[in-house]
C-alpha atoms as a PDB file:
ATOM      1  CA  MET A   1     -55.970 -14.709   1.300  1.00  0.00           C
ATOM      2  CA  TYR A   2     -53.341 -16.969  -0.126  1.00  0.00           C
ATOM      3  CA  ASP A   3     -52.232 -16.183  -3.689  1.00  0.00           C
ATOM      4  CA  ARG A   4     -48.684 -17.421  -3.475  1.00  0.00           C
ATOM      5  CA  ILE A   5     -47.589 -20.180  -1.032  1.00  0.00           C
ATOM      6  CA  LEU A   6     -44.058 -21.128  -0.343  1.00  0.00           C
ATOM      7  CA  VAL A   7     -42.704 -24.489   0.552  1.00  0.00           C
ATOM      8  CA  PRO A   8     -39.144 -24.646   1.737  1.00  0.00           C
ATOM      9  CA  THR A   9     -38.056 -28.382   1.345  1.00  0.00           C
ATOM     10  CA  ASP A  10     -35.316 -30.975   1.813  1.00  0.00           C
ATOM     11  CA  GLY A  11     -37.013 -33.962   0.507  1.00  0.00           C
ATOM     12  CA  SER A  12     -37.583 -35.265   4.289  1.00  0.00           C
ATOM     13  CA  GLU A  13     -40.706 -36.749   5.507  1.00  0.00           C
ATOM     14  CA  PRO A  14     -41.893 -33.530   7.523  1.00  0.00           C
ATOM     15  CA  ALA A  15     -41.222 -31.619   4.330  1.00  0.00           C
ATOM     16  CA  ALA A  16     -43.258 -33.830   2.424  1.00  0.00           C
ATOM     17  CA  VAL A  17     -46.304 -33.449   4.647  1.00  0.00           C
ATOM     18  CA  ALA A  18     -45.769 -29.758   4.405  1.00  0.00           C
ATOM     19  CA  GLY A  19     -45.804 -29.930   0.751  1.00  0.00           C
ATOM     20  CA  ASP A  20     -49.012 -31.723   0.672  1.00  0.00           C
ATOM     21  CA  MET A  21     -50.540 -29.146   2.971  1.00  0.00           C
ATOM     22  CA  ALA A  22     -49.394 -26.549   0.741  1.00  0.00           C
ATOM     23  CA  ILE A  23     -50.879 -28.024  -2.244  1.00  0.00           C
ATOM     24  CA  ALA A  24     -54.168 -28.601  -0.603  1.00  0.00           C
ATOM     25  CA  LEU A  25     -54.216 -24.845   0.317  1.00  0.00           C
ATOM     26  CA  ALA A  26     -53.281 -24.040  -3.100  1.00  0.00           C
ATOM     27  CA  GLU A  27     -56.209 -25.924  -4.634  1.00  0.00           C
ATOM     28  CA  ALA A  28     -58.679 -24.233  -2.040  1.00  0.00           C
ATOM     29  CA  PHE A  29     -57.523 -20.697  -2.930  1.00  0.00           C
ATOM     30  CA  GLU A  30     -56.374 -21.247  -6.580  1.00  0.00           C
ATOM     31  CA  ALA A  31     -52.943 -20.273  -5.456  1.00  0.00           C
ATOM     32  CA  ASP A  32     -49.451 -20.542  -6.930  1.00  0.00           C
ATOM     33  CA  VAL A  33     -46.910 -23.010  -5.223  1.00  0.00           C
ATOM     34  CA  HIS A  34     -43.144 -22.107  -4.751  1.00  0.00           C
ATOM     35  CA  ALA A  35     -40.949 -24.673  -3.846  1.00  0.00           C
ATOM     36  CA  VAL A  36     -37.410 -24.057  -2.871  1.00  0.00           C
ATOM     37  CA  PHE A  37     -34.233 -25.825  -1.515  1.00  0.00           C
ATOM     38  CA  VAL A  38     -31.680 -23.716   0.339  1.00  0.00           C
ATOM     39  CA  GLN A  39     -28.143 -24.911  -0.741  1.00  0.00           C
ATOM     40  CA  GLU A  40     -26.496 -23.152   2.163  1.00  0.00           C
ATOM     41  CA  THR A  41     -22.817 -22.408   1.652  1.00  0.00           C
ATOM     42  CA  GLY A  42     -21.804 -20.837   4.877  1.00  0.00           C
ATOM     43  CA  GLY A  43     -22.795 -23.470   7.403  1.00  0.00           C
ATOM     44  CA  TRP A  44     -20.150 -26.076   6.868  1.00  0.00           C
ATOM     45  CA  PRO A  45     -17.106 -25.553   9.105  1.00  0.00           C
ATOM     46  CA  PHE A  46     -14.492 -27.075   6.680  1.00  0.00           C
ATOM     47  CA  GLY A  47     -16.297 -26.124   3.352  1.00  0.00           C
ATOM     48  CA  LEU A  48     -17.635 -28.420   0.793  1.00  0.00           C
ATOM     49  CA  SER A  49     -15.673 -30.201  -2.054  1.00  0.00           C
ATOM     50  CA  GLU A  50     -16.986 -29.834  -5.718  1.00  0.00           C
ATOM     51  CA  GLU A  51     -18.443 -33.398  -5.443  1.00  0.00           C
ATOM     52  CA  GLU A  52     -20.328 -32.658  -2.337  1.00  0.00           C
ATOM     53  CA  THR A  53     -21.620 -29.194  -3.563  1.00  0.00           C
ATOM     54  CA  ALA A  54     -22.848 -31.103  -6.658  1.00  0.00           C
ATOM     55  CA  GLU A  55     -24.375 -33.690  -4.682  1.00  0.00           C
ATOM     56  CA  LEU A  56     -26.140 -31.300  -2.378  1.00  0.00           C
ATOM     57  CA  ARG A  57     -27.623 -29.525  -5.424  1.00  0.00           C
ATOM     58  CA  ARG A  58     -28.654 -32.723  -6.938  1.00  0.00           C
ATOM     59  CA  LEU A  59     -30.655 -33.505  -3.589  1.00  0.00           C
ATOM     60  CA  GLY A  60     -32.035 -30.014  -3.764  1.00  0.00           C
ATOM     61  CA  GLU A  61     -33.246 -30.364  -7.331  1.00  0.00           C
ATOM     62  CA  GLU A  62     -34.760 -33.766  -6.449  1.00  0.00           C
ATOM     63  CA  ALA A  63     -36.688 -32.343  -3.439  1.00  0.00           C
ATOM     64  CA  VAL A  64     -38.309 -29.558  -5.236  1.00  0.00           C
ATOM     65  CA  ALA A  65     -39.150 -31.734  -8.211  1.00  0.00           C
ATOM     66  CA  ALA A  66     -41.104 -34.105  -5.929  1.00  0.00           C
ATOM     67  CA  VAL A  67     -43.141 -31.070  -4.814  1.00  0.00           C
ATOM     68  CA  ALA A  68     -43.779 -29.998  -8.387  1.00  0.00           C
ATOM     69  CA  ASP A  69     -44.715 -33.556  -9.246  1.00  0.00           C
ATOM     70  CA  ARG A  70     -47.283 -33.644  -6.492  1.00  0.00           C
ATOM     71  CA  ALA A  71     -48.541 -30.271  -7.437  1.00  0.00           C
ATOM     72  CA  ALA A  72     -48.949 -31.368 -11.134  1.00  0.00           C
ATOM     73  CA  GLU A  73     -51.010 -34.272 -10.038  1.00  0.00           C
ATOM     74  CA  ALA A  74     -53.514 -31.624  -8.410  1.00  0.00           C
ATOM     75  CA  GLY A  75     -53.461 -29.513 -11.550  1.00  0.00           C
ATOM     76  CA  ILE A  76     -51.024 -26.951 -10.176  1.00  0.00           C
ATOM     77  CA  GLU A  77     -47.760 -25.742 -11.810  1.00  0.00           C
ATOM     78  CA  ALA A  78     -45.236 -25.164  -9.184  1.00  0.00           C
ATOM     79  CA  THR A  79     -42.257 -22.652  -9.400  1.00  0.00           C
ATOM     80  CA  THR A  80     -39.133 -24.403  -8.217  1.00  0.00           C
ATOM     81  CA  ALA A  81     -35.595 -23.054  -7.290  1.00  0.00           C
ATOM     82  CA  VAL A  82     -32.525 -24.305  -5.595  1.00  0.00           C
ATOM     83  CA  LEU A  83     -31.000 -21.202  -3.813  1.00  0.00           C
ATOM     84  CA  GLU A  84     -27.328 -20.918  -3.066  1.00  0.00           C
ATOM     85  CA  ASP A  85     -26.567 -18.592  -0.210  1.00  0.00           C
ATOM     86  CA  SER A  86     -24.146 -18.085   2.509  1.00  0.00           C
ATOM     87  CA  ASP A  87     -26.874 -16.508   4.945  1.00  0.00           C
ATOM     88  CA  PRO A  88     -28.709 -18.525   7.508  1.00  0.00           C
ATOM     89  CA  ILE A  89     -31.456 -20.708   5.853  1.00  0.00           C
ATOM     90  CA  HIS A  90     -34.325 -18.915   7.517  1.00  0.00           C
ATOM     91  CA  GLU A  91     -33.054 -15.447   6.030  1.00  0.00           C
ATOM     92  CA  THR A  92     -32.884 -16.746   2.535  1.00  0.00           C
ATOM     93  CA  VAL A  93     -36.379 -18.268   2.831  1.00  0.00           C
ATOM     94  CA  LEU A  94     -37.644 -14.719   4.006  1.00  0.00           C
ATOM     95  CA  ALA A  95     -35.834 -13.017   1.341  1.00  0.00           C
ATOM     96  CA  TYR A  96     -37.496 -15.090  -1.244  1.00  0.00           C
ATOM     97  CA  ALA A  97     -40.954 -14.744   0.300  1.00  0.00           C
ATOM     98  CA  ASP A  98     -40.410 -10.981   0.154  1.00  0.00           C
ATOM     99  CA  GLU A  99     -39.099 -10.797  -3.342  1.00  0.00           C
ATOM    100  CA  HIS A 100     -41.944 -13.059  -4.726  1.00  0.00           C
ATOM    101  CA  ASP A 101     -44.815 -11.593  -2.561  1.00  0.00           C
ATOM    102  CA  ILE A 102     -45.455 -14.874  -0.950  1.00  0.00           C
ATOM    103  CA  ASP A 103     -48.650 -14.862   1.330  1.00  0.00           C
ATOM    104  CA  ALA A 104     -47.776 -17.999   3.446  1.00  0.00           C
ATOM    105  CA  ILE A 105     -44.877 -20.342   4.312  1.00  0.00           C
ATOM    106  CA  VAL A 106     -45.487 -23.911   4.732  1.00  0.00           C
ATOM    107  CA  ILE A 107     -42.748 -25.943   6.400  1.00  0.00           C
ATOM    108  CA  GLY A 108     -41.782 -29.096   8.119  1.00  0.00           C
ATOM    109  CA  THR A 109     -40.427 -28.877  11.681  1.00  0.00           C
ATOM    110  CA  ARG A 110     -37.614 -31.538  11.435  1.00  0.00           C
ATOM    111  CA  GLY A 111     -35.315 -32.655   8.576  1.00  0.00           C
ATOM    112  CA  ARG A 112     -32.349 -34.649   7.606  1.00  0.00           C
ATOM    113  CA  SER A 113     -28.797 -34.447   8.967  1.00  0.00           C
ATOM    114  CA  GLY A 114     -25.649 -34.570   7.172  1.00  0.00           C
ATOM    115  CA  VAL A 115     -25.214 -33.366   3.509  1.00  0.00           C
ATOM    116  CA  GLY A 116     -29.004 -33.354   3.088  1.00  0.00           C
ATOM    117  CA  ARG A 117     -29.682 -31.234   6.113  1.00  0.00           C
ATOM    118  CA  MET A 118     -31.996 -28.276   5.731  1.00  0.00           C
ATOM    119  CA  LEU A 119     -35.160 -28.156   7.855  1.00  0.00           C
ATOM    120  CA  VAL A 120     -33.855 -28.455  11.584  1.00  0.00           C
ATOM    121  CA  GLY A 121     -35.906 -27.067  14.384  1.00  0.00           C
ATOM    122  CA  SER A 122     -33.861 -24.017  14.710  1.00  0.00           C
ATOM    123  CA  VAL A 123     -34.809 -22.831  11.141  1.00  0.00           C
ATOM    124  CA  THR A 124     -38.529 -23.175  11.696  1.00  0.00           C
ATOM    125  CA  GLU A 125     -38.321 -21.531  15.019  1.00  0.00           C
ATOM    126  CA  GLN A 126     -36.462 -18.451  13.399  1.00  0.00           C
ATOM    127  CA  LEU A 127     -39.138 -18.411  10.733  1.00  0.00           C
ATOM    128  CA  LEU A 128     -41.691 -18.290  13.332  1.00  0.00           C
ATOM    129  CA  ARG A 129     -40.172 -15.556  15.248  1.00  0.00           C
ATOM    130  CA  GLU A 130     -39.157 -13.389  12.201  1.00  0.00           C
ATOM    131  CA  SER A 131     -41.715 -13.968   9.390  1.00  0.00           C
ATOM    132  CA  THR A 132     -44.333 -11.245   9.002  1.00  0.00           C
ATOM    133  CA  ILE A 133     -46.620 -13.537   7.093  1.00  0.00           C
ATOM    134  CA  PRO A 134     -48.394 -16.647   8.193  1.00  0.00           C
ATOM    135  CA  VAL A 135     -46.184 -19.850   8.804  1.00  0.00           C
ATOM    136  CA  VAL A 136     -47.836 -23.254   8.628  1.00  0.00           C
ATOM    137  CA  THR A 137     -46.100 -26.068  10.307  1.00  0.00           C
ATOM    138  CA  ALA A 138     -46.215 -29.837  10.179  1.00  0.00           C
ATOM    139  CA  HIS A 139     -44.122 -32.682  11.342  1.00  0.00           C
ATOM    140  CA  GLU A 140     -43.832 -36.404  10.101  1.00  0.00           C
ATOM    141  CA  GLU A 141     -46.489 -37.414  12.476  1.00  0.00           C
ATOM    142  CA  THR A 142     -48.969 -34.564  11.633  1.00  0.00           C
ATOM    143  CA  THR A 143     -52.310 -35.700  10.269  1.00  0.00           C
ATOM    144  CA  VAL A 144     -53.691 -33.696   7.483  1.00  0.00           C
ATOM    145  CA  GLN A 145     -57.340 -34.094   7.231  1.00  0.00           C
ATOM    146  CA  TRP A 146     -58.621 -31.869   4.161  1.00  0.00           C
ATOM    147  CA  PRO A 147     -60.665 -30.081   3.856  1.00  0.00           C
ATOM    148  CA  PHE A 148     -60.652 -28.956   7.540  1.00  0.00           C
ATOM    149  CA  GLU A 149     -63.944 -29.382   9.317  1.00  0.00           C
ATOM    150  CA  GLY A 150     -62.901 -27.958  12.561  1.00  0.00           C
ATOM    151  CA  ILE A 151     -60.395 -25.096  13.136  1.00  0.00           C
ATOM    152  CA  LEU A 152     -59.306 -24.123  16.691  1.00  0.00           C
ATOM    153  CA  VAL A 153     -58.259 -20.682  17.737  1.00  0.00           C
ATOM    154  CA  PRO A 154     -56.912 -20.034  21.126  1.00  0.00           C
ATOM    155  CA  VAL A 155     -57.967 -16.405  22.225  1.00  0.00           C
ATOM    156  CA  ASP A 156     -56.646 -14.112  24.821  1.00  0.00           C
ATOM    157  CA  GLY A 157     -57.868 -10.706  23.600  1.00  0.00           C
ATOM    158  CA  SER A 158     -54.474  -9.621  22.273  1.00  0.00           C
ATOM    159  CA  ALA A 159     -53.903  -8.072  19.044  1.00  0.00           C
ATOM    160  CA  THR A 160     -52.088 -11.356  17.814  1.00  0.00           C
ATOM    161  CA  ALA A 161     -55.022 -13.469  18.826  1.00  0.00           C
ATOM    162  CA  HIS A 162     -57.436 -10.920  16.911  1.00  0.00           C
ATOM    163  CA  ALA A 163     -55.232 -11.300  13.903  1.00  0.00           C
ATOM    164  CA  ALA A 164     -55.228 -15.265  14.132  1.00  0.00           C
ATOM    165  CA  LEU A 165     -59.042 -15.153  14.375  1.00  0.00           C
ATOM    166  CA  SER A 166     -59.247 -13.018  11.061  1.00  0.00           C
ATOM    167  CA  GLU A 167     -57.069 -15.628   9.457  1.00  0.00           C
ATOM    168  CA  ALA A 168     -59.205 -18.467  10.807  1.00  0.00           C
ATOM    169  CA  ILE A 169     -62.430 -16.842   9.751  1.00  0.00           C
ATOM    170  CA  GLU A 170     -61.285 -16.353   6.098  1.00  0.00           C
ATOM    171  CA  LEU A 171     -59.876 -19.817   6.010  1.00  0.00           C
ATOM    172  CA  ALA A 172     -63.150 -21.374   7.324  1.00  0.00           C
ATOM    173  CA  GLU A 173     -65.399 -19.447   5.125  1.00  0.00           C
ATOM    174  CA  ARG A 174     -63.407 -20.702   2.138  1.00  0.00           C
ATOM    175  CA  ILE A 175     -63.725 -24.385   2.997  1.00  0.00           C
ATOM    176  CA  ASP A 176     -67.057 -24.159   5.075  1.00  0.00           C
ATOM    177  CA  ALA A 177     -65.212 -25.306   8.458  1.00  0.00           C
ATOM    178  CA  ALA A 178     -66.475 -24.754  12.019  1.00  0.00           C
ATOM    179  CA  VAL A 179     -64.540 -22.486  14.355  1.00  0.00           C
ATOM    180  CA  HIS A 180     -63.760 -23.394  17.836  1.00  0.00           C
ATOM    181  CA  LEU A 181     -62.720 -20.653  20.307  1.00  0.00           C
ATOM    182  CA  LEU A 182     -60.678 -21.629  23.340  1.00  0.00           C
ATOM    183  CA  HIS A 183     -59.324 -19.640  26.127  1.00  0.00           C
ATOM    184  CA  VAL A 184     -56.877 -21.173  28.530  1.00  0.00           C
ATOM    185  CA  VAL A 185     -56.621 -19.940  32.104  1.00  0.00           C
ATOM    186  CA  ASP A 186     -52.885 -20.444  32.750  1.00  0.00           C
ATOM    187  CA  THR A 187     -52.874 -21.754  36.416  1.00  0.00           C
ATOM    188  CA  GLY A 188     -49.119 -21.260  36.439  1.00  0.00           C
ATOM    189  CA  LEU A 189     -49.805 -17.586  36.901  1.00  0.00           C
ATOM    190  CA  VAL A 190     -51.186 -18.202  40.495  1.00  0.00           C
ATOM    191  CA  THR A 191     -48.054 -18.209  42.519  1.00  0.00           C
ATOM    192  CA  GLY A 192     -46.595 -16.781  45.788  1.00  0.00           C
ATOM    193  CA  ASP A 193     -48.590 -15.237  48.378  1.00  0.00           C
ATOM    194  CA  VAL A 194     -51.352 -13.855  46.329  1.00  0.00           C
ATOM    195  CA  ASP A 195     -54.981 -14.765  46.744  1.00  0.00           C
ATOM    196  CA  GLY A 196     -55.240 -17.703  44.229  1.00  0.00           C
ATOM    197  CA  GLY A 197     -59.032 -17.679  44.099  1.00  0.00           C
ATOM    198  CA  MET A 198     -59.046 -14.020  43.508  1.00  0.00           C
ATOM    199  CA  VAL A 199     -56.518 -14.249  40.587  1.00  0.00           C
ATOM    200  CA  LEU A 200     -58.243 -17.323  38.970  1.00  0.00           C
ATOM    201  CA  GLU A 201     -61.559 -15.339  39.128  1.00  0.00           C
ATOM    202  CA  ALA A 202     -59.916 -12.470  37.305  1.00  0.00           C
ATOM    203  CA  LEU A 203     -58.386 -14.685  34.737  1.00  0.00           C
ATOM    204  CA  GLU A 204     -61.609 -16.390  34.095  1.00  0.00           C
ATOM    205  CA  GLU A 205     -63.493 -13.108  33.639  1.00  0.00           C
ATOM    206  CA  ALA A 206     -60.965 -11.804  31.373  1.00  0.00           C
ATOM    207  CA  GLY A 207     -61.189 -15.108  29.369  1.00  0.00           C
ATOM    208  CA  GLU A 208     -64.957 -14.872  29.221  1.00  0.00           C
ATOM    209  CA  GLN A 209     -64.645 -11.410  27.847  1.00  0.00           C
ATOM    210  CA  ALA A 210     -62.080 -12.449  25.102  1.00  0.00           C
ATOM    211  CA  LEU A 211     -64.293 -15.358  24.146  1.00  0.00           C
ATOM    212  CA  ASP A 212     -67.390 -13.036  23.984  1.00  0.00           C
ATOM    213  CA  ILE A 213     -65.663 -10.565  21.640  1.00  0.00           C
ATOM    214  CA  ALA A 214     -64.232 -13.399  19.481  1.00  0.00           C
ATOM    215  CA  SER A 215     -67.571 -15.048  19.248  1.00  0.00           C
ATOM    216  CA  ASP A 216     -69.161 -11.939  18.065  1.00  0.00           C
ATOM    217  CA  ARG A 217     -66.730 -11.580  15.243  1.00  0.00           C
ATOM    218  CA  VAL A 218     -67.296 -15.113  14.113  1.00  0.00           C
ATOM    219  CA  GLU A 219     -71.110 -14.605  14.279  1.00  0.00           C
ATOM    220  CA  GLN A 220     -70.791 -11.608  12.051  1.00  0.00           C
ATOM    221  CA  SER A 221     -68.930 -13.589   9.524  1.00  0.00           C
ATOM    222  CA  ALA A 222     -70.276 -16.218   7.092  1.00  0.00           C
ATOM    223  CA  VAL A 223     -69.005 -18.981   9.312  1.00  0.00           C
ATOM    224  CA  THR A 224     -72.059 -21.073  10.378  1.00  0.00           C
ATOM    225  CA  THR A 225     -70.649 -22.897  13.445  1.00  0.00           C
ATOM    226  CA  VAL A 226     -68.743 -21.620  16.468  1.00  0.00           C
ATOM    227  CA  GLU A 227     -67.983 -23.241  19.804  1.00  0.00           C
ATOM    228  CA  SER A 228     -66.562 -21.467  22.670  1.00  0.00           C
ATOM    229  CA  SER A 229     -64.891 -23.050  25.716  1.00  0.00           C
ATOM    230  CA  ILE A 230     -62.674 -21.880  28.663  1.00  0.00           C
ATOM    231  CA  VAL A 231     -60.319 -24.307  30.253  1.00  0.00           C
ATOM    232  CA  SER A 232     -57.483 -24.367  32.760  1.00  0.00           C
ATOM    233  CA  GLY A 233     -53.967 -25.682  32.790  1.00  0.00           C
ATOM    234  CA  PRO A 234     -50.595 -25.185  31.094  1.00  0.00           C
ATOM    235  CA  PRO A 235     -51.633 -23.556  27.733  1.00  0.00           C
ATOM    236  CA  SER A 236     -49.909 -25.529  25.176  1.00  0.00           C
ATOM    237  CA  HIS A 237     -50.866 -28.797  26.876  1.00  0.00           C
ATOM    238  CA  ALA A 238     -54.552 -27.625  27.179  1.00  0.00           C
ATOM    239  CA  ILE A 239     -54.644 -26.439  23.514  1.00  0.00           C
ATOM    240  CA  CYS A 240     -53.423 -29.626  22.075  1.00  0.00           C
ATOM    241  CA  ALA A 241     -55.614 -31.766  24.587  1.00  0.00           C
ATOM    242  CA  TYR A 242     -58.718 -29.691  23.362  1.00  0.00           C
ATOM    243  CA  ALA A 243     -57.659 -30.353  19.735  1.00  0.00           C
ATOM    244  CA  ASP A 244     -57.325 -33.995  20.250  1.00  0.00           C
ATOM    245  CA  GLU A 245     -60.625 -34.409  22.289  1.00  0.00           C
ATOM    246  CA  HIS A 246     -62.793 -32.574  19.771  1.00  0.00           C
ATOM    247  CA  GLY A 247     -61.364 -33.755  16.428  1.00  0.00           C
ATOM    248  CA  ILE A 248     -59.780 -30.467  15.508  1.00  0.00           C
ATOM    249  CA  ASP A 249     -58.170 -30.555  11.874  1.00  0.00           C
ATOM    250  CA  ALA A 250     -56.006 -27.279  12.355  1.00  0.00           C
ATOM    251  CA  ILE A 251     -54.934 -24.722  14.967  1.00  0.00           C
ATOM    252  CA  VAL A 252     -54.663 -21.109  14.084  1.00  0.00           C
ATOM    253  CA  MET A 253     -52.981 -19.073  16.675  1.00  0.00           C
ATOM    254  CA  GLY A 254     -50.991 -15.794  17.276  1.00  0.00           C
ATOM    255  CA  THR A 255     -47.282 -16.090  18.254  1.00  0.00           C
ATOM    256  CA  HIS A 256     -47.270 -13.416  21.078  1.00  0.00           C
ATOM    257  CA  GLY A 257     -49.975 -12.264  23.503  1.00  0.00           C
ATOM    258  CA  ARG A 258     -50.271  -9.982  26.555  1.00  0.00           C
ATOM    259  CA  THR A 259     -48.169  -9.732  29.621  1.00  0.00           C
ATOM    260  CA  GLY A 260     -49.245  -9.958  33.205  1.00  0.00           C
ATOM    261  CA  ILE A 261     -52.649 -11.290  34.481  1.00  0.00           C
ATOM    262  CA  GLU A 262     -54.052 -11.497  30.848  1.00  0.00           C
ATOM    263  CA  ARG A 263     -51.127 -13.339  29.450  1.00  0.00           C
ATOM    264  CA  VAL A 264     -51.943 -16.619  27.574  1.00  0.00           C
ATOM    265  CA  LEU A 265     -50.300 -16.976  24.202  1.00  0.00           C
ATOM    266  CA  LEU A 266     -46.765 -16.260  24.332  1.00  0.00           C
ATOM    267  CA  GLY A 267     -44.161 -17.272  21.771  1.00  0.00           C
ATOM    268  CA  SER A 268     -43.107 -20.161  23.764  1.00  0.00           C
ATOM    269  CA  VAL A 269     -46.724 -21.442  24.018  1.00  0.00           C
ATOM    270  CA  SER A 270     -47.122 -21.381  20.364  1.00  0.00           C
ATOM    271  CA  GLU A 271     -43.859 -23.305  19.782  1.00  0.00           C
ATOM    272  CA  GLY A 272     -44.849 -25.792  22.413  1.00  0.00           C
ATOM    273  CA  VAL A 273     -48.060 -26.313  20.482  1.00  0.00           C
ATOM    274  CA  ILE A 274     -46.110 -26.754  17.205  1.00  0.00           C
ATOM    275  CA  ARG A 275     -44.023 -29.373  18.932  1.00  0.00           C
ATOM    276  CA  ARG A 276     -47.078 -31.285  20.439  1.00  0.00           C
ATOM    277  CA  SER A 277     -49.835 -30.877  17.919  1.00  0.00           C
ATOM    278  CA  GLU A 278     -50.996 -33.670  15.690  1.00  0.00           C
ATOM    279  CA  VAL A 279     -52.541 -31.426  13.135  1.00  0.00           C
ATOM    280  CA  PRO A 280     -51.216 -28.529  11.127  1.00  0.00           C
ATOM    281  CA  VAL A 281     -50.583 -25.076  13.107  1.00  0.00           C
ATOM    282  CA  PHE A 282     -50.981 -21.825  11.354  1.00  0.00           C
ATOM    283  CA  THR A 283     -49.265 -19.061  13.226  1.00  0.00           C
ATOM    284  CA  THR A 284     -49.805 -15.367  12.581  1.00  0.00           C
ATOM    285  CA  LYS A 285     -48.684 -12.103  13.925  1.00  0.00           C
ATOM    286  CA  ALA A 286     -50.565  -8.902  14.432  1.00  0.00           C
ATOM    287  CA  GLU A 287     -50.014  -6.034  12.043  1.00  0.00           C
ATOM    288  CA  PRO A 288     -47.545  -3.289  13.117  1.00  0.00           C
ATOM    289  CA  ASP A 289     -49.094  -0.045  14.461  1.00  0.00           C
ATOM    290  CA  GLY A 290     -49.188   2.641  11.733  1.00  0.00           C
END
């Protein structure tokens, strides 16, 4: 599942949390860890002096060394690199991931400002949108309870939700975690002059079907516990509320979903969950057709 895990870091607190998450995953899957710092050379309007460039590199070397030191304490040897590139940070990270056959990227959602800046929200958002491999996010307030005991998977019957469930099942099987399936009836879809009762009933029926299909998949796996629920409300709020109320340790979800009456998991929903979630969030995309 995860043989090589990439941690982009800038030495900030969110990056430290992401590093710890990556190391925990590496232990569970006997995976290699790669820690990189992107020394972006094209993002400074007036350029950098030699002294500033040297200072930035020093910060980068310290940041990746900190991840390597924590990995060594867990018995894992980490590969480290300080990358100089004029391309946007997320493009450099994705290029490294492709070149080194990375299976997952674990990243913090905020970082420093000024000369130590790397992990700003826009970088993470770009990775979420463009990465073809799973992206795991954490911020400075994220609580990492390892090993996970409860994993939440929002489902809507879409291809991306199907891919997320596959990811969650494999993760749950490896660490003996319970899987919670959740369908959110988005009440915001009931607008205008439509028959609200009829629309809600159709949404609930679609949700029950999606949950039944997902439950069957989990029950056919080696996962021993599965709980299914259907709730109503704004999707990202409802997902995070369920996670909080049920002591969930991680959320695994797709980044896109269906449109129209069956729409639940849009990119904006996953980004909303990432901002609000107090636990790590794993995001996946469906495999492209063909």
